[in-house]
Amino acid sequence: MKWDPLKRLKLDPSYTVSLGLGSRRVIGQLEAQILRAIDQTGSFSEAARTLGLSYAFLWNRISKIERTVNQKIVARERGGTKGGRAELTTQGKSLLHTYSELDSRVHRFVMGNALAEGYVPHSGRVRPNLSFVGSHCIVVEKILQSLHLDNPRMTYQMVNVGSWAGLTAIMLREADIAGVHIFDEAESRYNEPLLSKYWLSHTCTLVRGYKRQQCFMIRKGNPKKIRGVEDLLRHAVKLANRNLGSGTRILLDRKLQELARRKDVRLDSLTTRIRGYDSQMMTHRDIAIAVASRRADVGVGLTSVATEMGLDSIPLAEELYDFLVEKRLRNPYVRGFFDILKSKRFQGQIKSFTSGIGFLKESGRILGQ
């Protein structure tokens, strides 16, 4: 037997992430470090000292990015012994956030943290006939169960890891369908900007899903007298929160940001006061179980799941839940998935046993067709 020296080595995966316009690089790991340092120090010279780089190098690198994107990403003021003041513009913060989100999602996939149990089917390394990755939804569960009843030999997998991980799975071609509910603040709408923002228009398409109501899940009778977001700040209230990268957690953060603006305080000054804010639960059902079992007093999640679990609910927001798929829809089970979603009979079944779900005339149809 031939000895393989590599088997004695512990080899770790590595990767690089960058964003560009065409062939022109815009931001990679170094540029992200520069933007973070400027954001934290408020100064080019302090950022340069922190990173061990020259002031001129930082200035030239930022200027190059701005010429490429034709936008100001750092507002700076020369002069003074410390090199003047500097802060990220709205565009600069958005660029850094976009890079950081993508880098985080790729890291989770490469290192196998987010989907540790997701992509190895019980039958071995053979990929299932249909792979769903994304935000948890009981409607998706029902569609997959119905599709399997019609096709008993079909294998499928549902991996509930949040909207951003679903988007990443589609980008890496590790999923057939991704369930997403991501609100774009710049365009004030759900999901549709993802195709252009992440350069997916040529390879992917968006299929309309349905409206879902997000809520605060509470026990029957509302023993802690919770009425809204501000009640999360009370020490007597403990929150069950969704995982980072989930659209539901993003929604809660948006509501907290609105509260922070009304109070004229920083967001982190609120989140540090919320007991359970740092908890990370992977599904809406996990949230409901935490509330029902009294491990938490309130959880943020779907009204449909609260109803299923016998909990009361306080409406928080209505959102659009859609599906990202490969543009050519070559997988027949993907087409079958959306045929069921379009079915009036199926929609009637969902309405008969749950609340907080609103189907649309476009449900199950490709947007723009």
Protein backbone atom coordinates (compact mmCIF):
# COMPACT_ATOMS: atom_id res chain seq x y z
CA MET A 1 0.00 0.00 0.00
CA LYS A 2 1.46 3.36 -1.05
CA TRP A 3 2.06 5.80 1.79
CA ASP A 4 0.44 9.18 1.32
CA PRO A 5 2.24 11.86 3.37
CA LEU A 6 -0.73 14.22 2.99
CA LYS A 7 -2.87 11.93 5.13
CA ARG A 8 -0.63 12.79 8.09
CA LEU A 9 -1.19 16.50 7.65
CA LYS A 10 -4.12 18.53 8.95
CA LEU A 11 -5.07 20.62 5.93
CA ASP A 12 -7.39 23.56 6.50
CA PRO A 13 -9.47 25.24 3.80
CA SER A 14 -8.68 28.82 2.83
CA TYR A 15 -10.39 31.33 0.57
CA THR A 16 -10.36 34.95 -0.55
CA VAL A 17 -13.39 37.14 -1.13
CA SER A 18 -13.46 40.31 -3.19
CA LEU A 19 -16.07 42.47 -4.90
CA GLY A 20 -15.50 44.15 -8.24
CA LEU A 21 -17.04 45.98 -11.15
CA GLY A 22 -16.37 43.91 -14.24
CA SER A 23 -12.63 43.21 -14.21
CA ARG A 24 -11.90 46.04 -11.76
CA ARG A 25 -11.42 45.06 -8.13
CA VAL A 26 -13.26 47.29 -5.66
CA ILE A 27 -12.82 45.78 -2.21
CA GLY A 28 -11.09 42.77 -0.71
CA GLN A 29 -9.80 41.82 2.72
CA LEU A 30 -7.21 44.63 2.91
CA GLU A 31 -9.63 47.33 1.77
CA ALA A 32 -12.21 46.09 4.29
CA GLN A 33 -9.62 46.30 7.07
CA ILE A 34 -8.81 49.88 6.03
CA LEU A 35 -12.49 50.91 6.04
CA ARG A 36 -13.05 49.30 9.45
CA ALA A 37 -9.99 51.04 10.91
CA ILE A 38 -11.13 54.41 9.57
CA ASP A 39 -14.63 53.82 10.94
CA GLN A 40 -13.26 52.90 14.38
CA THR A 41 -10.59 55.61 14.70
CA GLY A 42 -12.14 58.50 12.74
CA SER A 43 -8.73 59.33 11.33
CA PHE A 44 -6.56 58.33 8.35
CA SER A 45 -3.36 58.67 10.36
CA GLU A 46 -4.67 56.62 13.30
CA ALA A 47 -6.02 53.96 10.93
CA ALA A 48 -2.63 53.80 9.18
CA ARG A 49 -0.83 53.45 12.52
CA THR A 50 -3.23 50.72 13.66
CA LEU A 51 -2.69 48.70 10.47
CA GLY A 52 1.04 49.37 10.18
CA LEU A 53 0.61 51.05 6.79
CA SER A 54 1.58 54.46 5.49
CA TYR A 55 -0.82 57.39 5.44
CA ALA A 56 -0.21 57.82 1.71
CA PHE A 57 -1.02 54.16 1.04
CA LEU A 58 -4.39 54.44 2.77
CA TRP A 59 -5.22 57.71 1.02
CA ASN A 60 -4.35 56.29 -2.41
CA ARG A 61 -6.24 53.05 -1.83
CA ILE A 62 -9.43 54.85 -0.77
CA SER A 63 -9.13 57.27 -3.69
CA LYS A 64 -8.80 54.34 -6.09
CA ILE A 65 -11.99 52.72 -4.76
CA GLU A 66 -13.86 56.02 -5.08
CA ARG A 67 -12.75 56.46 -8.69
CA THR A 68 -13.89 52.92 -9.48
CA VAL A 69 -17.37 53.21 -7.96
CA ASN A 70 -17.67 56.93 -8.75
CA GLN A 71 -18.89 57.64 -5.23
CA LYS A 72 -17.45 59.16 -2.06
CA ILE A 73 -16.93 56.40 0.49
CA VAL A 74 -14.93 58.37 3.07
CA ALA A 75 -15.62 61.96 4.08
CA ARG A 76 -12.25 63.40 5.08
CA GLU A 77 -10.79 66.68 6.20
CA ARG A 78 -7.05 67.28 5.82
CA GLY A 79 -4.95 69.16 8.34
CA GLY A 80 -3.84 69.05 11.92
CA THR A 81 -1.17 67.01 13.68
CA LYS A 82 -3.37 63.92 13.54
CA GLY A 83 -4.11 64.20 9.85
CA GLY A 84 -7.62 65.63 10.09
CA ARG A 85 -10.93 63.83 10.51
CA ALA A 86 -12.37 60.95 8.50
CA GLU A 87 -15.61 58.98 8.58
CA LEU A 88 -17.36 56.53 6.30
CA THR A 89 -20.14 57.94 4.17
CA THR A 90 -23.44 56.09 3.78
CA GLN A 91 -22.01 54.55 0.58
CA GLY A 92 -18.82 53.57 2.41
CA LYS A 93 -20.73 51.89 5.22
CA SER A 94 -22.91 50.07 2.69
CA LEU A 95 -19.85 48.83 0.77
CA LEU A 96 -18.19 47.57 3.95
CA HIS A 97 -21.42 45.93 5.13
CA THR A 98 -21.93 44.19 1.78
CA TYR A 99 -18.37 42.84 1.79
CA SER A 100 -18.57 41.75 5.44
CA GLU A 101 -21.86 39.91 4.92
CA LEU A 102 -20.53 38.04 1.88
CA ASP A 103 -17.24 37.19 3.60
CA SER A 104 -19.11 35.89 6.66
CA ARG A 105 -21.42 33.70 4.59
CA VAL A 106 -18.62 32.25 2.48
CA HIS A 107 -16.65 31.56 5.65
CA ARG A 108 -19.55 29.61 7.15
CA PHE A 109 -19.85 27.49 4.01
CA VAL A 110 -16.12 26.85 3.59
CA MET A 111 -15.54 26.02 7.25
CA GLY A 112 -18.73 23.97 7.46
CA ASN A 113 -20.11 25.75 10.52
CA ALA A 114 -23.51 26.92 9.32
CA LEU A 115 -24.43 23.77 7.45
CA ALA A 116 -22.59 21.12 9.43
CA GLU A 117 -25.48 18.68 9.02
CA GLY A 118 -26.96 20.12 5.88
CA TYR A 119 -25.23 18.79 2.82
CA VAL A 120 -24.39 15.20 3.70
CA PRO A 121 -27.54 13.15 3.02
CA HIS A 122 -28.17 10.09 5.15
CA SER A 123 -27.52 7.87 2.15
CA GLY A 124 -23.94 9.14 1.77
CA ARG A 125 -22.46 11.97 -0.25
CA VAL A 126 -25.03 11.75 -3.03
CA ARG A 127 -26.85 15.05 -3.28
CA PRO A 128 -30.62 14.76 -2.79
CA ASN A 129 -32.96 15.29 -5.73
CA LEU A 130 -34.07 18.60 -4.25
CA SER A 131 -32.11 20.77 -1.86
CA PHE A 132 -33.77 23.71 -0.09
CA VAL A 133 -31.63 26.14 1.93
CA GLY A 134 -32.74 29.36 3.57
CA SER A 135 -35.25 30.83 5.96
CA HIS A 136 -37.46 28.43 7.88
CA CYS A 137 -41.14 28.40 6.90
CA ILE A 138 -43.90 25.89 7.65
CA VAL A 139 -45.38 26.46 4.17
CA VAL A 140 -42.13 25.17 2.63
CA GLU A 141 -42.32 22.13 4.91
CA LYS A 142 -45.85 21.40 3.66
CA ILE A 143 -44.84 21.83 -0.01
CA LEU A 144 -41.91 19.43 0.35
CA GLN A 145 -44.09 16.87 2.14
CA SER A 146 -46.75 17.12 -0.57
CA LEU A 147 -44.14 16.84 -3.34
CA HIS A 148 -42.69 13.73 -1.70
CA LEU A 149 -46.12 12.13 -1.44
CA ASP A 150 -46.53 12.59 -5.19
CA ASN A 151 -42.97 11.34 -5.83
CA PRO A 152 -42.15 8.71 -3.16
CA ARG A 153 -38.71 7.96 -4.63
CA MET A 154 -37.65 11.59 -4.50
CA THR A 155 -35.08 12.54 -1.88
CA TYR A 156 -35.04 16.07 -0.53
CA GLN A 157 -33.34 18.16 2.09
CA MET A 158 -34.49 21.28 3.95
CA VAL A 159 -31.72 23.23 5.66
CA ASN A 160 -33.01 26.07 7.85
CA VAL A 161 -30.14 28.50 8.31
CA GLY A 162 -31.60 31.90 7.40
CA SER A 163 -32.01 34.02 4.30
CA TRP A 164 -28.38 35.07 3.85
CA ALA A 165 -27.11 31.49 4.01
CA GLY A 166 -29.77 30.58 1.43
CA LEU A 167 -28.52 33.35 -0.85
CA THR A 168 -24.96 32.09 -0.42
CA ALA A 169 -26.02 28.51 -1.17
CA ILE A 170 -27.53 29.64 -4.48
CA MET A 171 -24.39 31.65 -5.30
CA LEU A 172 -22.23 28.58 -4.61
CA ARG A 173 -24.69 26.27 -6.44
CA GLU A 174 -25.21 24.24 -3.29
CA ALA A 175 -29.01 24.57 -3.34
CA ASP A 176 -31.83 24.18 -5.86
CA ILE A 177 -34.13 26.62 -4.03
CA ALA A 178 -33.32 29.33 -1.50
CA GLY A 179 -36.06 30.85 0.66
CA VAL A 180 -35.39 34.53 1.38
CA HIS A 181 -37.01 37.56 3.02
CA ILE A 182 -34.37 40.30 2.87
CA PHE A 183 -35.44 43.92 3.00
CA ASP A 184 -33.36 46.40 1.01
CA GLU A 185 -33.52 49.72 2.84
CA ALA A 186 -32.11 51.71 -0.09
CA GLU A 187 -34.95 50.55 -2.38
CA SER A 188 -37.55 49.99 0.37
CA ARG A 189 -38.60 46.57 -0.92
CA TYR A 190 -38.03 42.89 -0.28
CA ASN A 191 -35.82 40.44 -2.20
CA GLU A 192 -35.92 41.78 -5.76
CA PRO A 193 -32.77 43.95 -5.43
CA LEU A 194 -30.76 40.80 -4.58
CA LEU A 195 -30.45 39.80 -8.24
CA SER A 196 -28.67 42.99 -9.31
CA LYS A 197 -26.89 43.68 -6.02
CA TYR A 198 -25.17 40.29 -6.03
CA TRP A 199 -24.72 39.95 -9.80
CA LEU A 200 -27.17 37.04 -10.09
CA SER A 201 -29.39 38.36 -12.88
CA HIS A 202 -27.77 36.19 -15.56
CA THR A 203 -27.85 32.95 -13.59
CA CYS A 204 -30.80 33.16 -11.20
CA THR A 205 -34.37 34.28 -11.07
CA LEU A 206 -36.80 35.18 -8.31
CA VAL A 207 -40.07 33.32 -7.88
CA ARG A 208 -42.82 35.07 -5.95
CA GLY A 209 -43.74 33.38 -2.72
CA TYR A 210 -46.28 34.89 -0.36
CA LYS A 211 -46.76 37.41 2.41
CA ARG A 212 -45.93 36.41 5.97
CA GLN A 213 -46.68 38.17 9.22
CA GLN A 214 -43.82 38.43 11.71
CA CYS A 215 -44.75 38.86 15.34
CA PHE A 216 -43.66 38.78 18.94
CA MET A 217 -44.58 35.31 20.24
CA ILE A 218 -45.86 35.37 23.82
CA ARG A 219 -47.56 32.92 26.14
CA LYS A 220 -51.33 32.90 26.45
CA GLY A 221 -52.61 35.83 28.45
CA ASN A 222 -49.39 37.82 27.93
CA PRO A 223 -48.17 37.47 31.54
CA LYS A 224 -45.32 39.97 31.06
CA LYS A 225 -47.64 42.59 29.52
CA ILE A 226 -45.50 42.99 26.41
CA ARG A 227 -46.86 45.51 23.90
CA GLY A 228 -43.98 46.34 21.57
CA VAL A 229 -40.25 46.62 20.89
CA GLU A 230 -39.53 48.95 23.83
CA ASP A 231 -40.70 46.29 26.29
CA LEU A 232 -37.66 44.19 25.34
CA LEU A 233 -35.56 46.68 27.34
CA ARG A 234 -37.25 45.70 30.59
CA HIS A 235 -35.01 43.56 32.78
CA ALA A 236 -37.91 41.26 33.65
CA VAL A 237 -38.33 40.31 29.96
CA LYS A 238 -36.12 37.68 28.31
CA LEU A 239 -35.95 37.41 24.50
CA ALA A 240 -35.49 34.37 22.28
CA ASN A 241 -33.75 35.67 19.14
CA ARG A 242 -33.09 34.20 15.69
CA ASN A 243 -29.64 33.41 14.31
CA LEU A 244 -27.37 35.96 12.68
CA GLY A 245 -28.03 36.14 8.95
CA SER A 246 -31.72 35.39 9.26
CA GLY A 247 -34.18 37.85 7.79
CA THR A 248 -36.14 37.78 11.05
CA ARG A 249 -33.15 38.95 13.08
CA ILE A 250 -32.51 41.69 10.51
CA LEU A 251 -36.15 42.78 10.90
CA LEU A 252 -35.81 43.00 14.69
CA ASP A 253 -32.57 44.98 14.35
CA ARG A 254 -34.34 47.39 12.00
CA LYS A 255 -37.10 47.91 14.55
CA LEU A 256 -34.51 48.44 17.30
CA GLN A 257 -32.65 50.91 15.09
CA GLU A 258 -35.87 52.90 14.69
CA LEU A 259 -36.28 52.89 18.48
CA ALA A 260 -32.64 54.01 18.91
CA ARG A 261 -33.23 56.95 16.58
CA ARG A 262 -36.33 57.99 18.50
CA LYS A 263 -34.36 57.87 21.74
CA ASP A 264 -31.31 59.50 20.10
CA VAL A 265 -28.98 56.72 21.28
CA ARG A 266 -26.70 54.17 19.63
CA LEU A 267 -28.15 50.80 18.66
CA ASP A 268 -25.66 48.87 20.79
CA SER A 269 -26.73 50.84 23.87
CA LEU A 270 -30.15 49.20 23.43
CA THR A 271 -29.09 45.67 22.47
CA THR A 272 -26.79 45.36 25.50
CA ARG A 273 -29.84 45.97 27.70
CA ILE A 274 -31.92 43.17 26.13
CA ARG A 275 -31.68 39.86 27.95
CA GLY A 276 -31.36 37.09 25.38
CA TYR A 277 -30.53 39.37 22.44
CA ASP A 278 -27.38 37.34 21.69
CA SER A 279 -29.27 34.02 21.61
CA GLN A 280 -29.34 32.36 18.18
CA MET A 281 -32.10 29.92 17.31
CA MET A 282 -32.23 28.40 13.85
CA THR A 283 -35.98 28.11 13.28
CA HIS A 284 -39.22 29.86 14.18
CA ARG A 285 -40.32 26.65 15.86
CA ASP A 286 -37.26 26.74 18.13
CA ILE A 287 -38.32 30.26 19.17
CA ALA A 288 -41.86 29.10 19.89
CA ILE A 289 -40.64 26.16 21.97
CA ALA A 290 -38.42 28.48 24.03
CA VAL A 291 -41.40 30.73 24.79
CA ALA A 292 -43.83 27.89 25.45
CA SER A 293 -41.35 26.18 27.82
CA ARG A 294 -40.76 29.48 29.70
CA ARG A 295 -37.07 29.61 28.79
CA ALA A 296 -37.96 32.98 27.25
CA ASP A 297 -40.79 35.45 27.73
CA VAL A 298 -40.98 36.64 24.14
CA GLY A 299 -39.61 35.57 20.79
CA VAL A 300 -39.55 37.11 17.35
CA GLY A 301 -40.94 34.87 14.62
CA LEU A 302 -43.83 33.93 12.38
CA THR A 303 -47.46 34.31 13.41
CA SER A 304 -48.18 31.03 11.60
CA VAL A 305 -45.78 29.18 13.91
CA ALA A 306 -47.13 30.94 17.00
CA THR A 307 -50.62 29.73 16.01
CA GLU A 308 -49.32 26.20 15.40
CA MET A 309 -47.71 26.13 18.85
CA GLY A 310 -50.72 27.55 20.71
CA LEU A 311 -49.09 30.90 21.55
CA ASP A 312 -50.46 34.42 21.38
CA SER A 313 -48.86 36.94 19.07
CA ILE A 314 -48.30 40.68 18.70
CA PRO A 315 -47.98 41.72 15.03
CA LEU A 316 -44.57 43.19 14.20
CA ALA A 317 -44.41 43.48 10.39
CA GLU A 318 -45.64 41.98 7.14
CA GLU A 319 -42.99 40.76 4.73
CA LEU A 320 -42.55 39.08 1.36
CA TYR A 321 -41.06 35.60 1.40
CA ASP A 322 -39.71 34.61 -2.04
CA PHE A 323 -37.53 31.97 -3.68
CA LEU A 324 -34.23 32.23 -5.55
CA VAL A 325 -33.70 29.50 -8.15
CA GLU A 326 -31.52 28.71 -11.14
CA LYS A 327 -32.81 30.64 -14.13
CA ARG A 328 -33.32 27.63 -16.42
CA LEU A 329 -35.31 25.57 -13.86
CA ARG A 330 -33.78 22.35 -15.17
CA ASN A 331 -34.67 20.33 -12.07
CA PRO A 332 -38.20 18.90 -12.57
CA TYR A 333 -38.73 18.76 -8.81
CA VAL A 334 -38.16 22.51 -8.61
CA ARG A 335 -40.95 22.99 -11.15
CA GLY A 336 -43.10 20.58 -9.11
CA PHE A 337 -42.41 22.62 -5.97
CA PHE A 338 -43.83 25.76 -7.56
CA ASP A 339 -46.74 23.91 -9.18
CA ILE A 340 -47.86 22.96 -5.68
CA LEU A 341 -47.35 26.51 -4.43
CA LYS A 342 -49.56 27.85 -7.26
CA SER A 343 -52.30 25.31 -6.53
CA LYS A 344 -55.49 26.86 -5.13
CA ARG A 345 -56.18 23.59 -3.36
CA PHE A 346 -52.84 23.72 -1.55
CA GLN A 347 -53.29 27.39 -0.68
CA GLY A 348 -56.71 26.61 0.74
CA GLN A 349 -55.22 23.85 2.92
CA ILE A 350 -52.66 26.27 4.36
CA LYS A 351 -55.31 28.89 5.10
CA SER A 352 -57.46 26.30 6.85
CA PHE A 353 -54.95 25.44 9.58
CA THR A 354 -52.82 28.55 10.13
CA SER A 355 -52.85 32.35 10.10
CA GLY A 356 -50.36 35.00 9.07
CA ILE A 357 -49.86 33.67 5.53
CA GLY A 358 -51.21 35.60 2.53
CA PHE A 359 -50.98 34.14 -0.95
CA LEU A 360 -50.83 36.40 -4.00
CA LYS A 361 -51.95 36.00 -7.60
CA GLU A 362 -48.23 35.83 -8.52
CA SER A 363 -47.43 33.12 -5.95
CA GLY A 364 -45.31 30.41 -7.58
CA ARG A 365 -44.60 32.49 -10.69
CA ILE A 366 -41.31 33.93 -11.94
CA LEU A 367 -41.22 37.68 -11.44
CA GLY A 368 -41.09 39.70 -14.64
CA GLN A 369 -42.82 37.09 -16.78
